[in-house]
Amino acid sequence: MNRLLLVEGESDAIAVRALARRLGLDLAAAGADVVPMGGVTNLGHHLDGIDEADVVAVLHDVGETPYVARTLARVHDLPTRAFACHLDLEDELIRSLGVARTLDVVRSAGDLGRWRTLTRQPFHRGRPEARVLRRFIGTTSGRKARYAQLLVDALDLDQAPAVLVEAVVAVTQASSPAGQAP
């Protein structure tokens, strides 16, 4: 079987692989590859490189939905599905964990001092903590990837973001005829 889950970046790939493991879903046994595209604008390039597949799923930020839909529409011979995160991966994880539990992860990771420094900056004063947490996770090179793993590890599985679960299930358990979405 040839199943692909195309994700925007490396942090998305880390989160998806970690969630699959936590759910007891074996990506390799299902013939599924998680492929970071280096940005959603590379979707067409990645689709052009696929000769055949049992399913091609795309995990993306909701703001990219029109672009993803247009790009997938030109691929008629591949069974495709798109999964849109509410804002982005980090938003999905923060909303699932809640701000307090996310801050527990920040504390456990040894980044509480850095978090406090960011929240003291004038621009961030009075902003919703969830928005500042999204900013915090994306401010330093490597932090998104690190926190993708840490936040998925902290999830109660029954509270895991539905969009992430659905994307993983689509490539590990999907079975559909070519050209049709499962």
N, C-alpha and C. Protein backbone atom coordinates (compact mmCIF):
# COMPACT_ATOMS: atom_id res chain seq x y z
N MET A 1 0.84 -1.18 0.00
CA MET A 1 0.00 0.00 0.00
C MET A 1 0.88 1.25 0.00
N ASN A 2 0.37 2.27 -0.61
CA ASN A 2 1.09 3.52 -0.70
C ASN A 2 0.17 4.63 -0.22
N ARG A 3 0.42 5.10 0.98
CA ARG A 3 -0.41 6.14 1.59
C ARG A 3 0.50 7.28 2.03
N LEU A 4 0.07 8.48 1.75
CA LEU A 4 0.88 9.65 2.10
C LEU A 4 0.06 10.62 2.92
N LEU A 5 0.70 11.17 3.93
CA LEU A 5 0.14 12.29 4.67
C LEU A 5 1.12 13.44 4.48
N LEU A 6 0.72 14.40 3.67
CA LEU A 6 1.54 15.58 3.41
C LEU A 6 1.21 16.63 4.46
N VAL A 7 2.25 17.11 5.14
CA VAL A 7 2.07 18.10 6.20
C VAL A 7 2.93 19.32 5.86
N GLU A 8 2.57 20.46 6.43
CA GLU A 8 3.25 21.70 6.08
C GLU A 8 4.73 21.69 6.44
N GLY A 9 5.07 21.28 7.66
CA GLY A 9 6.46 21.36 8.09
C GLY A 9 6.86 20.22 9.00
N GLU A 10 8.10 20.29 9.43
CA GLU A 10 8.67 19.23 10.28
C GLU A 10 7.93 19.10 11.61
N SER A 11 7.52 20.21 12.21
CA SER A 11 6.81 20.11 13.49
C SER A 11 5.49 19.37 13.33
N ASP A 12 4.81 19.57 12.21
CA ASP A 12 3.57 18.85 11.94
C ASP A 12 3.86 17.35 11.81
N ALA A 13 4.94 17.01 11.12
CA ALA A 13 5.31 15.60 10.95
C ALA A 13 5.62 14.96 12.30
N ILE A 14 6.34 15.67 13.15
CA ILE A 14 6.67 15.15 14.47
C ILE A 14 5.40 14.91 15.27
N ALA A 15 4.49 15.86 15.25
CA ALA A 15 3.23 15.72 16.00
C ALA A 15 2.40 14.56 15.49
N VAL A 16 2.29 14.43 14.18
CA VAL A 16 1.48 13.35 13.60
C VAL A 16 2.08 11.99 13.93
N ARG A 17 3.39 11.86 13.79
CA ARG A 17 4.04 10.58 14.10
C ARG A 17 3.89 10.24 15.59
N ALA A 18 4.05 11.24 16.44
CA ALA A 18 3.91 11.02 17.89
C ALA A 18 2.48 10.62 18.24
N LEU A 19 1.50 11.27 17.63
CA LEU A 19 0.11 10.93 17.91
C LEU A 19 -0.21 9.53 17.41
N ALA A 20 0.28 9.18 16.24
CA ALA A 20 0.04 7.83 15.72
C ALA A 20 0.59 6.78 16.70
N ARG A 21 1.80 7.00 17.18
CA ARG A 21 2.38 6.06 18.17
C ARG A 21 1.50 5.97 19.40
N ARG A 22 1.08 7.12 19.91
CA ARG A 22 0.26 7.15 21.13
C ARG A 22 -1.08 6.46 20.91
N LEU A 23 -1.61 6.54 19.69
CA LEU A 23 -2.89 5.89 19.39
C LEU A 23 -2.72 4.41 19.06
N GLY A 24 -1.48 3.95 19.00
CA GLY A 24 -1.21 2.55 18.67
C GLY A 24 -1.39 2.26 17.19
N LEU A 25 -1.27 3.28 16.35
CA LEU A 25 -1.38 3.11 14.90
C LEU A 25 0.01 3.09 14.30
N ASP A 26 0.30 2.05 13.55
CA ASP A 26 1.63 1.85 12.98
C ASP A 26 1.66 2.38 11.54
N LEU A 27 2.24 3.54 11.37
CA LEU A 27 2.31 4.16 10.05
C LEU A 27 3.05 3.26 9.06
N ALA A 28 4.17 2.72 9.46
CA ALA A 28 4.97 1.89 8.55
C ALA A 28 4.21 0.64 8.14
N ALA A 29 3.56 -0.03 9.08
CA ALA A 29 2.80 -1.25 8.76
C ALA A 29 1.63 -0.95 7.82
N ALA A 30 1.10 0.26 7.91
CA ALA A 30 -0.01 0.66 7.03
C ALA A 30 0.50 1.13 5.67
N GLY A 31 1.83 1.18 5.51
CA GLY A 31 2.39 1.68 4.26
C GLY A 31 2.24 3.18 4.12
N ALA A 32 2.20 3.87 5.25
CA ALA A 32 1.97 5.32 5.25
C ALA A 32 3.25 6.08 5.54
N ASP A 33 3.48 7.10 4.75
CA ASP A 33 4.60 8.01 4.96
C ASP A 33 4.04 9.38 5.32
N VAL A 34 4.68 10.02 6.29
CA VAL A 34 4.36 11.39 6.65
C VAL A 34 5.46 12.25 6.03
N VAL A 35 5.05 13.17 5.16
CA VAL A 35 6.02 13.94 4.38
C VAL A 35 5.86 15.44 4.67
N PRO A 36 6.87 16.05 5.33
CA PRO A 36 6.83 17.50 5.49
C PRO A 36 7.17 18.16 4.15
N MET A 37 6.32 19.13 3.75
CA MET A 37 6.47 19.74 2.43
C MET A 37 7.36 20.97 2.41
N GLY A 38 7.75 21.47 3.59
CA GLY A 38 8.52 22.71 3.60
C GLY A 38 7.63 23.90 3.29
N GLY A 39 6.38 23.81 3.68
CA GLY A 39 5.39 24.86 3.42
C GLY A 39 4.30 24.36 2.49
N VAL A 40 3.10 24.80 2.74
CA VAL A 40 1.95 24.32 1.97
C VAL A 40 2.03 24.73 0.50
N THR A 41 2.75 25.80 0.20
CA THR A 41 2.85 26.22 -1.20
C THR A 41 3.64 25.23 -2.05
N ASN A 42 4.26 24.25 -1.42
CA ASN A 42 4.95 23.18 -2.14
C ASN A 42 4.04 21.99 -2.41
N LEU A 43 2.77 22.11 -2.10
CA LEU A 43 1.82 21.00 -2.28
C LEU A 43 1.80 20.53 -3.74
N GLY A 44 1.68 21.43 -4.68
CA GLY A 44 1.63 21.04 -6.09
C GLY A 44 2.85 20.26 -6.52
N HIS A 45 4.00 20.71 -6.08
CA HIS A 45 5.26 20.01 -6.40
C HIS A 45 5.23 18.58 -5.86
N HIS A 46 4.76 18.42 -4.62
CA HIS A 46 4.70 17.08 -4.04
C HIS A 46 3.68 16.21 -4.74
N LEU A 47 2.54 16.77 -5.09
CA LEU A 47 1.52 15.99 -5.80
C LEU A 47 2.02 15.57 -7.18
N ASP A 48 2.75 16.45 -7.85
CA ASP A 48 3.29 16.12 -9.17
C ASP A 48 4.25 14.94 -9.12
N GLY A 49 4.87 14.72 -7.97
CA GLY A 49 5.83 13.63 -7.84
C GLY A 49 5.21 12.29 -7.46
N ILE A 50 3.89 12.24 -7.33
CA ILE A 50 3.22 11.00 -6.93
C ILE A 50 2.65 10.33 -8.17
N ASP A 51 3.12 9.12 -8.45
CA ASP A 51 2.61 8.37 -9.60
C ASP A 51 1.29 7.70 -9.27
N GLU A 52 1.25 7.07 -8.11
CA GLU A 52 0.01 6.43 -7.67
C GLU A 52 0.04 6.33 -6.15
N ALA A 53 -1.14 6.28 -5.58
CA ALA A 53 -1.26 6.16 -4.13
C ALA A 53 -2.65 5.64 -3.81
N ASP A 54 -2.73 4.94 -2.69
CA ASP A 54 -4.03 4.49 -2.20
C ASP A 54 -4.80 5.65 -1.59
N VAL A 55 -4.07 6.54 -0.93
CA VAL A 55 -4.69 7.76 -0.40
C VAL A 55 -3.59 8.80 -0.20
N VAL A 56 -3.94 10.04 -0.47
CA VAL A 56 -3.06 11.17 -0.20
C VAL A 56 -3.85 12.13 0.68
N ALA A 57 -3.38 12.31 1.90
CA ALA A 57 -4.04 13.23 2.82
C ALA A 57 -3.14 14.44 3.01
N VAL A 58 -3.76 15.59 3.22
CA VAL A 58 -3.02 16.84 3.41
C VAL A 58 -3.51 17.47 4.70
N LEU A 59 -2.58 17.72 5.63
CA LEU A 59 -2.88 18.43 6.87
C LEU A 59 -2.35 19.85 6.71
N HIS A 60 -3.23 20.84 6.89
CA HIS A 60 -2.84 22.22 6.63
C HIS A 60 -3.56 23.16 7.58
N ASP A 61 -3.12 24.41 7.58
CA ASP A 61 -3.76 25.46 8.37
C ASP A 61 -5.03 25.89 7.66
N VAL A 62 -6.05 26.24 8.42
CA VAL A 62 -7.34 26.59 7.83
C VAL A 62 -7.24 27.75 6.84
N GLY A 63 -6.35 28.68 7.08
CA GLY A 63 -6.18 29.80 6.17
C GLY A 63 -5.72 29.40 4.78
N GLU A 64 -5.19 28.21 4.66
CA GLU A 64 -4.70 27.71 3.37
C GLU A 64 -5.73 26.87 2.63
N THR A 65 -6.93 26.76 3.16
CA THR A 65 -7.96 25.89 2.58
C THR A 65 -8.24 26.20 1.10
N PRO A 66 -8.44 27.46 0.70
CA PRO A 66 -8.71 27.71 -0.73
C PRO A 66 -7.56 27.23 -1.63
N TYR A 67 -6.32 27.49 -1.23
CA TYR A 67 -5.18 27.04 -2.02
C TYR A 67 -5.13 25.52 -2.10
N VAL A 68 -5.30 24.85 -0.96
CA VAL A 68 -5.25 23.38 -0.93
C VAL A 68 -6.36 22.82 -1.81
N ALA A 69 -7.56 23.36 -1.71
CA ALA A 69 -8.70 22.86 -2.51
C ALA A 69 -8.41 23.02 -4.01
N ARG A 70 -7.90 24.19 -4.42
CA ARG A 70 -7.58 24.41 -5.83
C ARG A 70 -6.51 23.44 -6.32
N THR A 71 -5.51 23.24 -5.48
CA THR A 71 -4.39 22.37 -5.87
C THR A 71 -4.84 20.92 -5.95
N LEU A 72 -5.63 20.47 -4.99
CA LEU A 72 -6.11 19.09 -5.02
C LEU A 72 -7.10 18.86 -6.17
N ALA A 73 -7.83 19.89 -6.56
CA ALA A 73 -8.83 19.76 -7.63
C ALA A 73 -8.20 19.40 -8.97
N ARG A 74 -6.93 19.75 -9.15
CA ARG A 74 -6.30 19.44 -10.43
C ARG A 74 -5.72 18.02 -10.48
N VAL A 75 -5.82 17.30 -9.37
CA VAL A 75 -5.31 15.92 -9.30
C VAL A 75 -6.51 14.99 -9.28
N HIS A 76 -6.89 14.51 -10.44
CA HIS A 76 -8.11 13.71 -10.55
C HIS A 76 -7.88 12.21 -10.37
N ASP A 77 -6.65 11.77 -10.55
CA ASP A 77 -6.40 10.33 -10.52
C ASP A 77 -5.88 9.83 -9.17
N LEU A 78 -5.83 10.69 -8.17
CA LEU A 78 -5.39 10.29 -6.84
C LEU A 78 -6.52 10.48 -5.84
N PRO A 79 -6.71 9.51 -4.94
CA PRO A 79 -7.70 9.70 -3.88
C PRO A 79 -7.14 10.65 -2.81
N THR A 80 -7.71 11.82 -2.69
CA THR A 80 -7.17 12.83 -1.79
C THR A 80 -8.18 13.22 -0.72
N ARG A 81 -7.62 13.62 0.42
CA ARG A 81 -8.42 14.18 1.51
C ARG A 81 -7.64 15.32 2.12
N ALA A 82 -8.34 16.33 2.56
CA ALA A 82 -7.70 17.47 3.20
C ALA A 82 -8.23 17.61 4.63
N PHE A 83 -7.34 17.97 5.53
CA PHE A 83 -7.67 18.14 6.94
C PHE A 83 -7.12 19.49 7.38
N ALA A 84 -8.01 20.39 7.78
CA ALA A 84 -7.61 21.75 8.13
C ALA A 84 -7.58 21.94 9.65
N CYS A 85 -6.43 22.34 10.16
CA CYS A 85 -6.31 22.73 11.56
C CYS A 85 -7.04 24.06 11.74
N HIS A 86 -7.66 24.26 12.90
CA HIS A 86 -8.46 25.46 13.15
C HIS A 86 -7.69 26.72 12.77
N LEU A 87 -6.58 26.97 13.37
CA LEU A 87 -5.67 28.04 12.93
C LEU A 87 -4.40 27.40 12.40
N ASP A 88 -3.79 26.57 13.24
CA ASP A 88 -2.59 25.84 12.86
C ASP A 88 -2.41 24.70 13.86
N LEU A 89 -1.37 23.93 13.68
CA LEU A 89 -1.11 22.79 14.56
C LEU A 89 -1.00 23.21 16.02
N GLU A 90 -0.24 24.28 16.26
CA GLU A 90 -0.03 24.73 17.64
C GLU A 90 -1.35 25.13 18.30
N ASP A 91 -2.19 25.81 17.56
CA ASP A 91 -3.51 26.18 18.08
C ASP A 91 -4.31 24.95 18.46
N GLU A 92 -4.30 23.94 17.62
CA GLU A 92 -5.04 22.70 17.90
C GLU A 92 -4.54 22.07 19.20
N LEU A 93 -3.23 22.00 19.36
CA LEU A 93 -2.66 21.36 20.55
C LEU A 93 -2.92 22.19 21.80
N ILE A 94 -2.75 23.50 21.71
CA ILE A 94 -3.00 24.37 22.87
C ILE A 94 -4.47 24.31 23.28
N ARG A 95 -5.38 24.35 22.31
CA ARG A 95 -6.81 24.28 22.65
C ARG A 95 -7.16 22.93 23.28
N SER A 96 -6.55 21.86 22.79
CA SER A 96 -6.84 20.53 23.35
C SER A 96 -6.32 20.38 24.77
N LEU A 97 -5.13 20.91 25.01
CA LEU A 97 -4.54 20.82 26.34
C LEU A 97 -5.11 21.85 27.30
N GLY A 98 -5.45 23.01 26.77
CA GLY A 98 -5.82 24.14 27.61
C GLY A 98 -4.56 24.91 27.97
N VAL A 99 -4.74 26.18 28.29
CA VAL A 99 -3.61 27.06 28.59
C VAL A 99 -2.83 26.57 29.81
N ALA A 100 -3.54 26.19 30.88
CA ALA A 100 -2.85 25.78 32.11
C ALA A 100 -1.96 24.56 31.88
N ARG A 101 -2.48 23.56 31.19
CA ARG A 101 -1.67 22.36 30.94
C ARG A 101 -0.54 22.65 29.96
N THR A 102 -0.78 23.53 29.00
CA THR A 102 0.29 23.90 28.08
C THR A 102 1.40 24.61 28.84
N LEU A 103 1.03 25.48 29.76
CA LEU A 103 2.05 26.16 30.58
C LEU A 103 2.78 25.17 31.48
N ASP A 104 2.12 24.12 31.91
CA ASP A 104 2.81 23.06 32.66
C ASP A 104 3.89 22.42 31.80
N VAL A 105 3.59 22.22 30.51
CA VAL A 105 4.58 21.66 29.58
C VAL A 105 5.74 22.64 29.42
N VAL A 106 5.44 23.92 29.29
CA VAL A 106 6.49 24.94 29.17
C VAL A 106 7.37 24.91 30.42
N ARG A 107 6.75 24.81 31.58
CA ARG A 107 7.49 24.74 32.85
C ARG A 107 8.37 23.49 32.88
N SER A 108 7.80 22.36 32.55
CA SER A 108 8.56 21.10 32.56
C SER A 108 9.71 21.11 31.57
N ALA A 109 9.55 21.85 30.50
CA ALA A 109 10.60 21.93 29.47
C ALA A 109 11.71 22.91 29.86
N GLY A 110 11.52 23.61 30.98
CA GLY A 110 12.53 24.55 31.44
C GLY A 110 12.47 25.90 30.74
N ASP A 111 11.33 26.22 30.14
CA ASP A 111 11.21 27.45 29.38
C ASP A 111 10.33 28.51 30.04
N LEU A 112 10.00 28.32 31.31
CA LEU A 112 9.10 29.28 31.96
C LEU A 112 9.71 30.68 32.01
N GLY A 113 11.00 30.80 32.23
CA GLY A 113 11.65 32.11 32.23
C GLY A 113 11.54 32.79 30.88
N ARG A 114 11.73 32.03 29.81
CA ARG A 114 11.60 32.59 28.46
C ARG A 114 10.15 33.01 28.20
N TRP A 115 9.22 32.20 28.67
CA TRP A 115 7.79 32.52 28.54
C TRP A 115 7.48 33.84 29.25
N ARG A 116 7.98 33.99 30.46
CA ARG A 116 7.72 35.21 31.22
C ARG A 116 8.33 36.43 30.54
N THR A 117 9.51 36.27 29.97
CA THR A 117 10.14 37.37 29.24
C THR A 117 9.25 37.81 28.08
N LEU A 118 8.72 36.86 27.35
CA LEU A 118 7.85 37.20 26.22
C LEU A 118 6.57 37.90 26.70
N THR A 119 5.98 37.40 27.76
CA THR A 119 4.71 37.99 28.22
C THR A 119 4.88 39.39 28.79
N ARG A 120 6.10 39.75 29.16
CA ARG A 120 6.36 41.10 29.69
C ARG A 120 6.56 42.14 28.58
N GLN A 121 6.72 41.69 27.37
CA GLN A 121 6.90 42.63 26.27
C GLN A 121 5.59 43.40 26.05
N PRO A 122 5.69 44.70 25.81
CA PRO A 122 4.49 45.52 25.70
C PRO A 122 3.44 44.98 24.72
N PHE A 123 3.87 44.48 23.58
CA PHE A 123 2.93 43.98 22.58
C PHE A 123 2.07 42.85 23.12
N HIS A 124 2.62 42.01 23.99
CA HIS A 124 1.91 40.82 24.46
C HIS A 124 1.10 41.05 25.73
N ARG A 125 1.30 42.18 26.38
CA ARG A 125 0.54 42.45 27.61
C ARG A 125 -0.94 42.55 27.29
N GLY A 126 -1.73 41.83 28.02
CA GLY A 126 -3.17 41.88 27.84
C GLY A 126 -3.71 41.03 26.71
N ARG A 127 -2.84 40.41 25.93
CA ARG A 127 -3.30 39.52 24.86
C ARG A 127 -3.71 38.18 25.45
N PRO A 128 -4.64 37.48 24.83
CA PRO A 128 -5.03 36.15 25.32
C PRO A 128 -3.82 35.22 25.40
N GLU A 129 -3.71 34.50 26.51
CA GLU A 129 -2.54 33.64 26.72
C GLU A 129 -2.38 32.59 25.62
N ALA A 130 -3.48 32.07 25.10
CA ALA A 130 -3.37 31.07 24.04
C ALA A 130 -2.68 31.65 22.81
N ARG A 131 -2.98 32.90 22.47
CA ARG A 131 -2.34 33.55 21.32
C ARG A 131 -0.86 33.78 21.59
N VAL A 132 -0.53 34.16 22.81
CA VAL A 132 0.87 34.39 23.16
C VAL A 132 1.63 33.06 23.18
N LEU A 133 0.98 32.00 23.64
CA LEU A 133 1.62 30.68 23.62
C LEU A 133 1.94 30.25 22.19
N ARG A 134 1.03 30.48 21.26
CA ARG A 134 1.30 30.16 19.85
C ARG A 134 2.52 30.93 19.37
N ARG A 135 2.60 32.18 19.72
CA ARG A 135 3.74 33.01 19.35
C ARG A 135 5.02 32.49 20.00
N PHE A 136 4.94 32.15 21.27
CA PHE A 136 6.09 31.64 22.02
C PHE A 136 6.66 30.38 21.35
N ILE A 137 5.78 29.48 20.99
CA ILE A 137 6.23 28.22 20.40
C ILE A 137 6.92 28.45 19.06
N GLY A 138 6.51 29.48 18.33
CA GLY A 138 7.07 29.71 17.01
C GLY A 138 8.21 30.71 16.94
N THR A 139 8.68 31.23 18.09
CA THR A 139 9.66 32.32 18.03
C THR A 139 11.11 31.88 17.87
N THR A 140 11.47 30.73 18.31
CA THR A 140 12.87 30.31 18.32
C THR A 140 13.06 29.09 17.44
N SER A 141 14.13 29.08 16.67
CA SER A 141 14.41 27.95 15.78
C SER A 141 14.41 26.64 16.56
N GLY A 142 13.67 25.67 16.07
CA GLY A 142 13.61 24.36 16.69
C GLY A 142 12.54 24.22 17.76
N ARG A 143 11.99 25.32 18.23
CA ARG A 143 11.01 25.24 19.31
C ARG A 143 9.71 24.60 18.86
N LYS A 144 9.26 24.88 17.63
CA LYS A 144 8.01 24.28 17.14
C LYS A 144 8.13 22.76 17.13
N ALA A 145 9.24 22.26 16.63
CA ALA A 145 9.44 20.82 16.56
C ALA A 145 9.52 20.21 17.96
N ARG A 146 10.24 20.86 18.83
CA ARG A 146 10.38 20.36 20.21
C ARG A 146 9.02 20.32 20.90
N TYR A 147 8.26 21.39 20.78
CA TYR A 147 6.97 21.44 21.45
C TYR A 147 5.92 20.57 20.78
N ALA A 148 6.06 20.29 19.50
CA ALA A 148 5.12 19.37 18.84
C ALA A 148 5.13 18.03 19.58
N GLN A 149 6.31 17.53 19.85
CA GLN A 149 6.45 16.26 20.58
C GLN A 149 5.96 16.39 22.02
N LEU A 150 6.41 17.43 22.71
CA LEU A 150 6.06 17.60 24.13
C LEU A 150 4.55 17.77 24.32
N LEU A 151 3.92 18.55 23.47
CA LEU A 151 2.48 18.78 23.63
C LEU A 151 1.67 17.54 23.29
N VAL A 152 2.06 16.81 22.26
CA VAL A 152 1.35 15.55 21.94
C VAL A 152 1.53 14.56 23.09
N ASP A 153 2.73 14.49 23.65
CA ASP A 153 2.97 13.58 24.77
C ASP A 153 2.12 13.94 25.99
N ALA A 154 1.78 15.21 26.15
CA ALA A 154 0.99 15.66 27.31
C ALA A 154 -0.51 15.48 27.13
N LEU A 155 -0.95 15.18 25.92
CA LEU A 155 -2.39 15.07 25.64
C LEU A 155 -3.03 13.86 26.33
N ASP A 156 -4.23 14.05 26.82
CA ASP A 156 -5.10 12.92 27.12
C ASP A 156 -5.64 12.50 25.76
N LEU A 157 -5.52 11.24 25.41
CA LEU A 157 -5.89 10.83 24.06
C LEU A 157 -7.34 11.11 23.72
N ASP A 158 -8.21 11.08 24.72
CA ASP A 158 -9.62 11.38 24.42
C ASP A 158 -9.84 12.87 24.14
N GLN A 159 -8.83 13.69 24.37
CA GLN A 159 -8.89 15.12 24.09
C GLN A 159 -7.98 15.52 22.92
N ALA A 160 -7.41 14.53 22.24
CA ALA A 160 -6.52 14.83 21.11
C ALA A 160 -7.31 15.57 20.03
N PRO A 161 -6.66 16.51 19.36
CA PRO A 161 -7.36 17.26 18.31
C PRO A 161 -7.95 16.32 17.26
N ALA A 162 -9.24 16.44 17.04
CA ALA A 162 -9.93 15.55 16.10
C ALA A 162 -9.30 15.59 14.71
N VAL A 163 -8.89 16.77 14.25
CA VAL A 163 -8.32 16.87 12.92
C VAL A 163 -7.04 16.06 12.79
N LEU A 164 -6.24 16.03 13.83
CA LEU A 164 -5.00 15.23 13.79
C LEU A 164 -5.32 13.74 13.82
N VAL A 165 -6.25 13.35 14.67
CA VAL A 165 -6.66 11.95 14.74
C VAL A 165 -7.21 11.50 13.39
N GLU A 166 -8.09 12.31 12.81
CA GLU A 166 -8.70 11.96 11.53
C GLU A 166 -7.67 11.83 10.42
N ALA A 167 -6.67 12.70 10.40
CA ALA A 167 -5.63 12.62 9.38
C ALA A 167 -4.81 11.35 9.53
N VAL A 168 -4.45 11.00 10.76
CA VAL A 168 -3.68 9.78 11.00
C VAL A 168 -4.51 8.55 10.63
N VAL A 169 -5.75 8.52 11.02
CA VAL A 169 -6.63 7.38 10.70
C VAL A 169 -6.80 7.27 9.19
N ALA A 170 -6.90 8.40 8.49
CA ALA A 170 -7.10 8.37 7.04
C ALA A 170 -5.98 7.64 6.32
N VAL A 171 -4.76 7.74 6.81
CA VAL A 171 -3.65 7.08 6.13
C VAL A 171 -3.27 5.74 6.72
N THR A 172 -3.80 5.41 7.87
CA THR A 172 -3.47 4.10 8.45
C THR A 172 -4.60 3.09 8.26
N GLN A 173 -5.81 3.56 8.10
CA GLN A 173 -6.94 2.63 8.02
C GLN A 173 -7.81 2.83 6.80
N ALA A 174 -7.46 3.77 5.92
CA ALA A 174 -8.29 4.06 4.76
C ALA A 174 -8.18 2.96 3.72
N SER A 175 -9.26 2.75 3.05
CA SER A 175 -9.28 1.83 1.92
C SER A 175 -10.33 2.32 0.96
N SER A 176 -9.88 2.83 -0.19
CA SER A 176 -10.85 3.34 -1.15
C SER A 176 -10.35 3.11 -2.56
N PRO A 177 -11.27 3.00 -3.50
CA PRO A 177 -10.86 2.86 -4.89
C PRO A 177 -10.15 4.12 -5.37
N ALA A 178 -9.25 3.96 -6.34
CA ALA A 178 -8.51 5.11 -6.86
C ALA A 178 -9.47 6.19 -7.35
N GLY A 179 -9.11 7.43 -7.04
CA GLY A 179 -9.89 8.56 -7.50
C GLY A 179 -11.03 8.95 -6.60
N GLN A 180 -11.25 8.21 -5.51
CA GLN A 180 -12.33 8.54 -4.59
C GLN A 180 -11.78 8.77 -3.21
N ALA A 181 -12.29 9.77 -2.54
CA ALA A 181 -11.88 10.02 -1.16
C ALA A 181 -12.51 9.00 -0.25
N PRO A 182 -11.76 8.50 0.74
CA PRO A 182 -12.34 7.53 1.68
C PRO A 182 -13.35 8.20 2.59
